[in-house]
Amino acid sequence: MRKIRPYIVCSDGKGNLYEDRTLYAAGRSGFDFIPLYLHQMIEVPEGSDMFELPGRAAVGFNAQGYPGISTEGIAAASFIAPAYTQLHL
């Protein structure tokens, strides 16, 4: 299986989200940043919210696998709908 690396998502500060194609998505495992792959992700469930994180930098991995900070925009995050996680109890 080919591992597809999604790009990080940033905000323009006006409520618009877009991919920053200079960095690949990263996640956290304890204190470590780790690369994320498309097969590990789900679509954002209905009822979830997306947020801009003003004053915070979007981080990811460059094409060489080194951590980097986006210069393209503001960090963004998703809050998964609580009802979605309750379905899996």
C-alpha atoms as a PDB file:
ATOM      1  CA  MET A   1       0.000   0.000   0.000  1.00  0.00           C
ATOM      2  CA  ARG A   2       1.308   3.423  -0.952  1.00  0.00           C
ATOM      3  CA  LYS A   3       1.358   5.798   2.011  1.00  0.00           C
ATOM      4  CA  ILE A   4      -0.169   9.153   1.073  1.00  0.00           C
ATOM      5  CA  ARG A   5       0.979  12.126   3.125  1.00  0.00           C
ATOM      6  CA  PRO A   6      -1.664  14.869   3.404  1.00  0.00           C
ATOM      7  CA  TYR A   7      -0.677  18.528   3.623  1.00  0.00           C
ATOM      8  CA  ILE A   8      -1.238  20.650   6.719  1.00  0.00           C
ATOM      9  CA  VAL A   9      -4.329  22.857   6.879  1.00  0.00           C
ATOM     10  CA  CYS A  10      -4.040  26.573   7.680  1.00  0.00           C
ATOM     11  CA  SER A  11      -6.435  29.489   8.001  1.00  0.00           C
ATOM     12  CA  ASP A  12      -6.142  32.869   6.326  1.00  0.00           C
ATOM     13  CA  GLY A  13      -7.466  34.645   9.445  1.00  0.00           C
ATOM     14  CA  LYS A  14     -10.826  35.324   7.744  1.00  0.00           C
ATOM     15  CA  GLY A  15     -12.406  31.919   8.340  1.00  0.00           C
ATOM     16  CA  ASN A  16     -11.109  30.267   5.170  1.00  0.00           C
ATOM     17  CA  LEU A  17      -9.153  27.006   5.377  1.00  0.00           C
ATOM     18  CA  TYR A  18      -6.639  25.800   2.801  1.00  0.00           C
ATOM     19  CA  GLU A  19      -3.744  23.374   2.360  1.00  0.00           C
ATOM     20  CA  ASP A  20      -0.215  24.647   2.837  1.00  0.00           C
ATOM     21  CA  ARG A  21       1.531  22.516   0.218  1.00  0.00           C
ATOM     22  CA  THR A  22       4.988  23.238   1.636  1.00  0.00           C
ATOM     23  CA  LEU A  23       4.467  20.964   4.676  1.00  0.00           C
ATOM     24  CA  TYR A  24       2.974  17.544   5.337  1.00  0.00           C
ATOM     25  CA  ALA A  25       0.600  16.852   8.250  1.00  0.00           C
ATOM     26  CA  ALA A  26       2.011  16.057  11.679  1.00  0.00           C
ATOM     27  CA  GLY A  27       0.486  14.672  14.852  1.00  0.00           C
ATOM     28  CA  ARG A  28       1.599  14.279  18.454  1.00  0.00           C
ATOM     29  CA  SER A  29       2.485  11.144  20.361  1.00  0.00           C
ATOM     30  CA  GLY A  30       3.514  12.183  23.852  1.00  0.00           C
ATOM     31  CA  PHE A  31       6.209  14.813  23.365  1.00  0.00           C
ATOM     32  CA  ASP A  32       7.044  13.706  19.818  1.00  0.00           C
ATOM     33  CA  PHE A  33       5.824  15.042  16.483  1.00  0.00           C
ATOM     34  CA  ILE A  34       5.061  12.198  14.092  1.00  0.00           C
ATOM     35  CA  PRO A  35       4.111  12.140  10.401  1.00  0.00           C
ATOM     36  CA  LEU A  36       0.456  11.449   9.585  1.00  0.00           C
ATOM     37  CA  TYR A  37      -0.728   9.381   6.640  1.00  0.00           C
ATOM     38  CA  LEU A  38      -4.077   9.483   4.870  1.00  0.00           C
ATOM     39  CA  HIS A  39      -4.938   5.854   5.719  1.00  0.00           C
ATOM     40  CA  GLN A  40      -4.764   6.791   9.439  1.00  0.00           C
ATOM     41  CA  MET A  41      -7.346   9.567   9.110  1.00  0.00           C
ATOM     42  CA  ILE A  42     -11.126   9.849   8.873  1.00  0.00           C
ATOM     43  CA  GLU A  43     -13.287  12.517   7.274  1.00  0.00           C
ATOM     44  CA  VAL A  44     -14.350  15.195   9.738  1.00  0.00           C
ATOM     45  CA  PRO A  45     -17.745  13.948  10.990  1.00  0.00           C
ATOM     46  CA  GLU A  46     -20.904  16.023  10.613  1.00  0.00           C
ATOM     47  CA  GLY A  47     -21.388  18.313  13.613  1.00  0.00           C
ATOM     48  CA  SER A  48     -17.654  18.847  14.126  1.00  0.00           C
ATOM     49  CA  ASP A  49     -16.143  22.323  14.285  1.00  0.00           C
ATOM     50  CA  MET A  50     -13.065  23.804  12.668  1.00  0.00           C
ATOM     51  CA  PHE A  51     -11.126  26.511  14.470  1.00  0.00           C
ATOM     52  CA  GLU A  52      -8.467  29.086  13.720  1.00  0.00           C
ATOM     53  CA  LEU A  53      -5.771  29.203  16.376  1.00  0.00           C
ATOM     54  CA  PRO A  54      -4.599  32.845  16.354  1.00  0.00           C
ATOM     55  CA  GLY A  55      -1.090  33.367  17.633  1.00  0.00           C
ATOM     56  CA  ARG A  56      -0.145  29.743  16.967  1.00  0.00           C
ATOM     57  CA  ALA A  57       2.006  28.381  14.210  1.00  0.00           C
ATOM     58  CA  ALA A  58       0.995  25.493  11.979  1.00  0.00           C
ATOM     59  CA  VAL A  59       3.690  22.814  12.048  1.00  0.00           C
ATOM     60  CA  GLY A  60       4.394  19.866   9.792  1.00  0.00           C
ATOM     61  CA  PHE A  61       7.173  18.013   8.009  1.00  0.00           C
ATOM     62  CA  ASN A  62       8.971  19.198   4.881  1.00  0.00           C
ATOM     63  CA  ALA A  63       9.674  16.937   1.892  1.00  0.00           C
ATOM     64  CA  GLN A  64      12.965  15.821   3.475  1.00  0.00           C
ATOM     65  CA  GLY A  65      11.171  14.702   6.665  1.00  0.00           C
ATOM     66  CA  TYR A  66      12.313  17.547   8.910  1.00  0.00           C
ATOM     67  CA  PRO A  67       9.879  19.498  11.123  1.00  0.00           C
ATOM     68  CA  GLY A  68       8.958  22.951   9.891  1.00  0.00           C
ATOM     69  CA  ILE A  69       6.716  25.908  10.683  1.00  0.00           C
ATOM     70  CA  SER A  70       4.294  27.261   8.089  1.00  0.00           C
ATOM     71  CA  THR A  71       4.767  30.800   6.871  1.00  0.00           C
ATOM     72  CA  GLU A  72       1.528  30.567   4.857  1.00  0.00           C
ATOM     73  CA  GLY A  73      -1.111  31.203   7.515  1.00  0.00           C
ATOM     74  CA  ILE A  74      -2.588  30.600  10.954  1.00  0.00           C
ATOM     75  CA  ALA A  75      -2.786  27.167  12.584  1.00  0.00           C
ATOM     76  CA  ALA A  76      -6.175  25.429  12.348  1.00  0.00           C
ATOM     77  CA  ALA A  77      -7.727  22.577  14.314  1.00  0.00           C
ATOM     78  CA  SER A  78     -10.775  20.329  14.299  1.00  0.00           C
ATOM     79  CA  PHE A  79     -12.977  19.490  17.290  1.00  0.00           C
ATOM     80  CA  ILE A  80     -14.658  16.160  16.620  1.00  0.00           C
ATOM     81  CA  ALA A  81     -18.388  16.109  17.394  1.00  0.00           C
ATOM     82  CA  PRO A  82     -18.909  14.495  20.829  1.00  0.00           C
ATOM     83  CA  ALA A  83     -21.786  12.397  19.461  1.00  0.00           C
ATOM     84  CA  TYR A  84     -19.388  10.777  16.979  1.00  0.00           C
ATOM     85  CA  THR A  85     -17.123   9.421  19.703  1.00  0.00           C
ATOM     86  CA  GLN A  86     -20.114   8.247  21.761  1.00  0.00           C
ATOM     87  CA  LEU A  87     -21.116   5.944  18.913  1.00  0.00           C
ATOM     88  CA  HIS A  88     -17.932   3.944  19.437  1.00  0.00           C
ATOM     89  CA  LEU A  89     -18.315   3.215  23.177  1.00  0.00           C
END
